[in-house]
Amino acid sequence: MQITDTIADLLTRIRNASSAKHDTVDIPASNMKKAICQILVDEGYVKEFTTMEDGKQGVIKVTLKYTEDKTPVITGLRRVSKPGLRIYSNAENLPKVMKGLGIAIISTSKGIMTDRQARKENIGGEVLAFVW
């Protein structure tokens, strides 16, 4: 099956597994997805991720994170820039998610980073997703 928006597929798989209270979720691998997963680990939204070879493109196994009362740490994921409508922002106008409580994942010329990092480096780019 051909997937046109692979980032939306990644976010949907994480959202569905989180709402179903699964421990892990498997996602077809790519370098951009690995960078997004690394940001989610660094920001504390997921426990860890590992990459496994399957003979084709590989699989990312994401271990989800829950609180003590088994509620998901990720309360929301939203794809912002879609293949049909790309959303770009300069460094001054980068969006703040939930007034700074969430993160925006930005694709810049220096790689995938959070909105905080992009503001610090004074660089804009394509707004990929919001996580809160």
C-alpha atoms as a PDB file:
ATOM      1  CA  MET A   1       0.000   0.000   0.000  1.00  0.00           C
ATOM      2  CA  GLN A   2       1.334   3.408  -0.980  1.00  0.00           C
ATOM      3  CA  ILE A   3       1.231   6.020   1.792  1.00  0.00           C
ATOM      4  CA  THR A   4       1.354   9.603   0.533  1.00  0.00           C
ATOM      5  CA  ASP A   5       1.906  11.331   3.895  1.00  0.00           C
ATOM      6  CA  THR A   6       4.337   9.219   5.907  1.00  0.00           C
ATOM      7  CA  ILE A   7       4.617  11.697   8.798  1.00  0.00           C
ATOM      8  CA  ALA A   8       0.837  11.733   9.277  1.00  0.00           C
ATOM      9  CA  ASP A   9       0.975   7.925   9.250  1.00  0.00           C
ATOM     10  CA  LEU A  10       3.651   7.992  12.005  1.00  0.00           C
ATOM     11  CA  LEU A  11       1.594  10.370  14.143  1.00  0.00           C
ATOM     12  CA  THR A  12      -1.610   8.372  13.602  1.00  0.00           C
ATOM     13  CA  ARG A  13       0.069   5.094  14.564  1.00  0.00           C
ATOM     14  CA  ILE A  14       1.425   6.661  17.769  1.00  0.00           C
ATOM     15  CA  ARG A  15      -1.955   8.293  18.549  1.00  0.00           C
ATOM     16  CA  ASN A  16      -3.898   5.044  17.984  1.00  0.00           C
ATOM     17  CA  ALA A  17      -1.460   2.877  19.981  1.00  0.00           C
ATOM     18  CA  SER A  18      -1.469   5.424  22.804  1.00  0.00           C
ATOM     19  CA  SER A  19      -5.267   5.551  23.017  1.00  0.00           C
ATOM     20  CA  ALA A  20      -5.417   1.718  22.911  1.00  0.00           C
ATOM     21  CA  LYS A  21      -2.810   1.639  25.744  1.00  0.00           C
ATOM     22  CA  HIS A  22      -0.278  -0.451  23.801  1.00  0.00           C
ATOM     23  CA  ASP A  23       3.289  -0.662  25.110  1.00  0.00           C
ATOM     24  CA  THR A  24       5.000  -0.413  21.714  1.00  0.00           C
ATOM     25  CA  VAL A  25       4.126   0.469  18.129  1.00  0.00           C
ATOM     26  CA  ASP A  26       5.931  -0.550  14.906  1.00  0.00           C
ATOM     27  CA  ILE A  27       6.400   2.052  12.162  1.00  0.00           C
ATOM     28  CA  PRO A  28       8.119   1.691   8.752  1.00  0.00           C
ATOM     29  CA  ALA A  29      11.488   3.454   9.027  1.00  0.00           C
ATOM     30  CA  SER A  30      12.879   6.532   7.302  1.00  0.00           C
ATOM     31  CA  ASN A  31      15.482   9.093   8.334  1.00  0.00           C
ATOM     32  CA  MET A  32      12.870  11.826   8.902  1.00  0.00           C
ATOM     33  CA  LYS A  33      10.756   9.511  11.091  1.00  0.00           C
ATOM     34  CA  LYS A  34      13.868   8.596  13.110  1.00  0.00           C
ATOM     35  CA  ALA A  35      14.588  12.297  13.666  1.00  0.00           C
ATOM     36  CA  ILE A  36      10.976  12.923  14.786  1.00  0.00           C
ATOM     37  CA  CYS A  37      11.120   9.930  17.152  1.00  0.00           C
ATOM     38  CA  GLN A  38      14.425  11.220  18.569  1.00  0.00           C
ATOM     39  CA  ILE A  39      12.750  14.568  19.321  1.00  0.00           C
ATOM     40  CA  LEU A  40       9.847  12.767  21.034  1.00  0.00           C
ATOM     41  CA  VAL A  41      12.356  10.847  23.202  1.00  0.00           C
ATOM     42  CA  ASP A  42      14.398  13.983  24.008  1.00  0.00           C
ATOM     43  CA  GLU A  43      11.269  15.933  24.995  1.00  0.00           C
ATOM     44  CA  GLY A  44       9.992  13.073  27.171  1.00  0.00           C
ATOM     45  CA  TYR A  45       6.874  12.114  25.192  1.00  0.00           C
ATOM     46  CA  VAL A  46       7.976   8.494  24.511  1.00  0.00           C
ATOM     47  CA  LYS A  47      10.370   6.226  26.450  1.00  0.00           C
ATOM     48  CA  GLU A  48      12.617   5.068  23.616  1.00  0.00           C
ATOM     49  CA  PHE A  49      12.761   3.905  20.034  1.00  0.00           C
ATOM     50  CA  THR A  50      14.844   1.255  18.320  1.00  0.00           C
ATOM     51  CA  THR A  51      15.383   0.503  14.650  1.00  0.00           C
ATOM     52  CA  MET A  52      15.297  -3.048  13.338  1.00  0.00           C
ATOM     53  CA  GLU A  53      16.147  -4.392   9.902  1.00  0.00           C
ATOM     54  CA  ASP A  54      13.447  -6.331   8.084  1.00  0.00           C
ATOM     55  CA  GLY A  55      15.147  -6.764   4.712  1.00  0.00           C
ATOM     56  CA  LYS A  56      13.293  -3.816   3.148  1.00  0.00           C
ATOM     57  CA  GLN A  57      13.393  -0.324   4.661  1.00  0.00           C
ATOM     58  CA  GLY A  58      13.497  -1.282   8.329  1.00  0.00           C
ATOM     59  CA  VAL A  59      11.087  -0.827  11.229  1.00  0.00           C
ATOM     60  CA  ILE A  60      11.082   1.700  14.077  1.00  0.00           C
ATOM     61  CA  LYS A  61       9.779   0.228  17.349  1.00  0.00           C
ATOM     62  CA  VAL A  62       8.555   3.066  19.583  1.00  0.00           C
ATOM     63  CA  THR A  63       8.032   2.350  23.299  1.00  0.00           C
ATOM     64  CA  LEU A  64       5.225   4.581  24.542  1.00  0.00           C
ATOM     65  CA  LYS A  65       5.272   6.381  27.892  1.00  0.00           C
ATOM     66  CA  TYR A  66       2.425   6.430  30.432  1.00  0.00           C
ATOM     67  CA  THR A  67       1.920   8.004  33.858  1.00  0.00           C
ATOM     68  CA  GLU A  68       1.400   5.933  37.024  1.00  0.00           C
ATOM     69  CA  ASP A  69      -2.377   5.819  36.516  1.00  0.00           C
ATOM     70  CA  LYS A  70      -1.884   4.491  32.920  1.00  0.00           C
ATOM     71  CA  THR A  71      -2.830   7.717  31.134  1.00  0.00           C
ATOM     72  CA  PRO A  72      -0.744   8.485  28.028  1.00  0.00           C
ATOM     73  CA  VAL A  73       1.910  11.206  28.306  1.00  0.00           C
ATOM     74  CA  ILE A  74       1.016  12.351  24.776  1.00  0.00           C
ATOM     75  CA  THR A  75      -2.408  13.999  24.969  1.00  0.00           C
ATOM     76  CA  GLY A  76      -2.428  15.292  21.399  1.00  0.00           C
ATOM     77  CA  LEU A  77      -0.649  15.013  18.045  1.00  0.00           C
ATOM     78  CA  ARG A  78      -1.556  17.149  15.047  1.00  0.00           C
ATOM     79  CA  ARG A  79      -0.087  17.272  11.557  1.00  0.00           C
ATOM     80  CA  VAL A  80       0.265  20.894  10.452  1.00  0.00           C
ATOM     81  CA  SER A  81       1.993  20.984   7.067  1.00  0.00           C
ATOM     82  CA  LYS A  82       0.428  18.492   4.659  1.00  0.00           C
ATOM     83  CA  PRO A  83       1.584  17.438   1.166  1.00  0.00           C
ATOM     84  CA  GLY A  84      -1.269  19.453  -0.366  1.00  0.00           C
ATOM     85  CA  LEU A  85      -0.643  22.555   1.748  1.00  0.00           C
ATOM     86  CA  ARG A  86       2.832  23.237   3.095  1.00  0.00           C
ATOM     87  CA  ILE A  87       3.064  25.587   6.085  1.00  0.00           C
ATOM     88  CA  TYR A  88       6.316  27.541   6.457  1.00  0.00           C
ATOM     89  CA  SER A  89       7.294  29.964   9.192  1.00  0.00           C
ATOM     90  CA  ASN A  90      10.224  32.263   9.799  1.00  0.00           C
ATOM     91  CA  ALA A  91      12.095  32.375  13.105  1.00  0.00           C
ATOM     92  CA  GLU A  92      10.078  35.310  14.493  1.00  0.00           C
ATOM     93  CA  ASN A  93       6.665  33.764  13.748  1.00  0.00           C
ATOM     94  CA  LEU A  94       7.245  30.171  14.856  1.00  0.00           C
ATOM     95  CA  PRO A  95       4.085  28.864  16.558  1.00  0.00           C
ATOM     96  CA  LYS A  96       3.888  28.169  20.291  1.00  0.00           C
ATOM     97  CA  VAL A  97       1.904  25.050  21.120  1.00  0.00           C
ATOM     98  CA  MET A  98      -0.424  25.420  24.135  1.00  0.00           C
ATOM     99  CA  LYS A  99       1.420  28.648  25.117  1.00  0.00           C
ATOM    100  CA  GLY A 100       4.732  26.792  25.420  1.00  0.00           C
ATOM    101  CA  LEU A 101       3.503  23.592  27.113  1.00  0.00           C
ATOM    102  CA  GLY A 102       3.714  21.551  23.895  1.00  0.00           C
ATOM    103  CA  ILE A 103       6.250  21.430  21.087  1.00  0.00           C
ATOM    104  CA  ALA A 104       6.149  22.173  17.393  1.00  0.00           C
ATOM    105  CA  ILE A 105       8.359  19.953  15.220  1.00  0.00           C
ATOM    106  CA  ILE A 106      10.068  22.053  12.539  1.00  0.00           C
ATOM    107  CA  SER A 107      11.969  20.885   9.451  1.00  0.00           C
ATOM    108  CA  THR A 108      14.780  23.388   8.910  1.00  0.00           C
ATOM    109  CA  SER A 109      17.845  23.597   6.701  1.00  0.00           C
ATOM    110  CA  LYS A 110      19.843  22.375   9.720  1.00  0.00           C
ATOM    111  CA  GLY A 111      17.634  19.318  10.275  1.00  0.00           C
ATOM    112  CA  ILE A 112      14.487  18.438  12.209  1.00  0.00           C
ATOM    113  CA  MET A 113      14.193  20.332  15.523  1.00  0.00           C
ATOM    114  CA  THR A 114      11.714  21.715  18.022  1.00  0.00           C
ATOM    115  CA  ASP A 115      10.356  25.253  17.864  1.00  0.00           C
ATOM    116  CA  ARG A 116      12.462  26.171  20.924  1.00  0.00           C
ATOM    117  CA  GLN A 117      15.705  25.063  19.230  1.00  0.00           C
ATOM    118  CA  ALA A 118      14.752  26.837  15.996  1.00  0.00           C
ATOM    119  CA  ARG A 119      14.071  30.084  17.879  1.00  0.00           C
ATOM    120  CA  LYS A 120      17.409  29.768  19.691  1.00  0.00           C
ATOM    121  CA  GLU A 121      19.263  29.256  16.393  1.00  0.00           C
ATOM    122  CA  ASN A 122      17.136  31.981  14.720  1.00  0.00           C
ATOM    123  CA  ILE A 123      16.068  29.746  11.860  1.00  0.00           C
ATOM    124  CA  GLY A 124      12.664  29.075  10.285  1.00  0.00           C
ATOM    125  CA  GLY A 125      11.306  26.198   8.259  1.00  0.00           C
ATOM    126  CA  GLU A 126       8.360  23.939   7.559  1.00  0.00           C
ATOM    127  CA  VAL A 127       6.076  23.338  10.551  1.00  0.00           C
ATOM    128  CA  LEU A 128       5.566  19.545  10.489  1.00  0.00           C
ATOM    129  CA  ALA A 129       3.511  18.773  13.593  1.00  0.00           C
ATOM    130  CA  PHE A 130       2.311  19.844  17.029  1.00  0.00           C
ATOM    131  CA  VAL A 131       2.716  17.573  20.075  1.00  0.00           C
ATOM    132  CA  TRP A 132       1.231  18.258  23.487  1.00  0.00           C
END
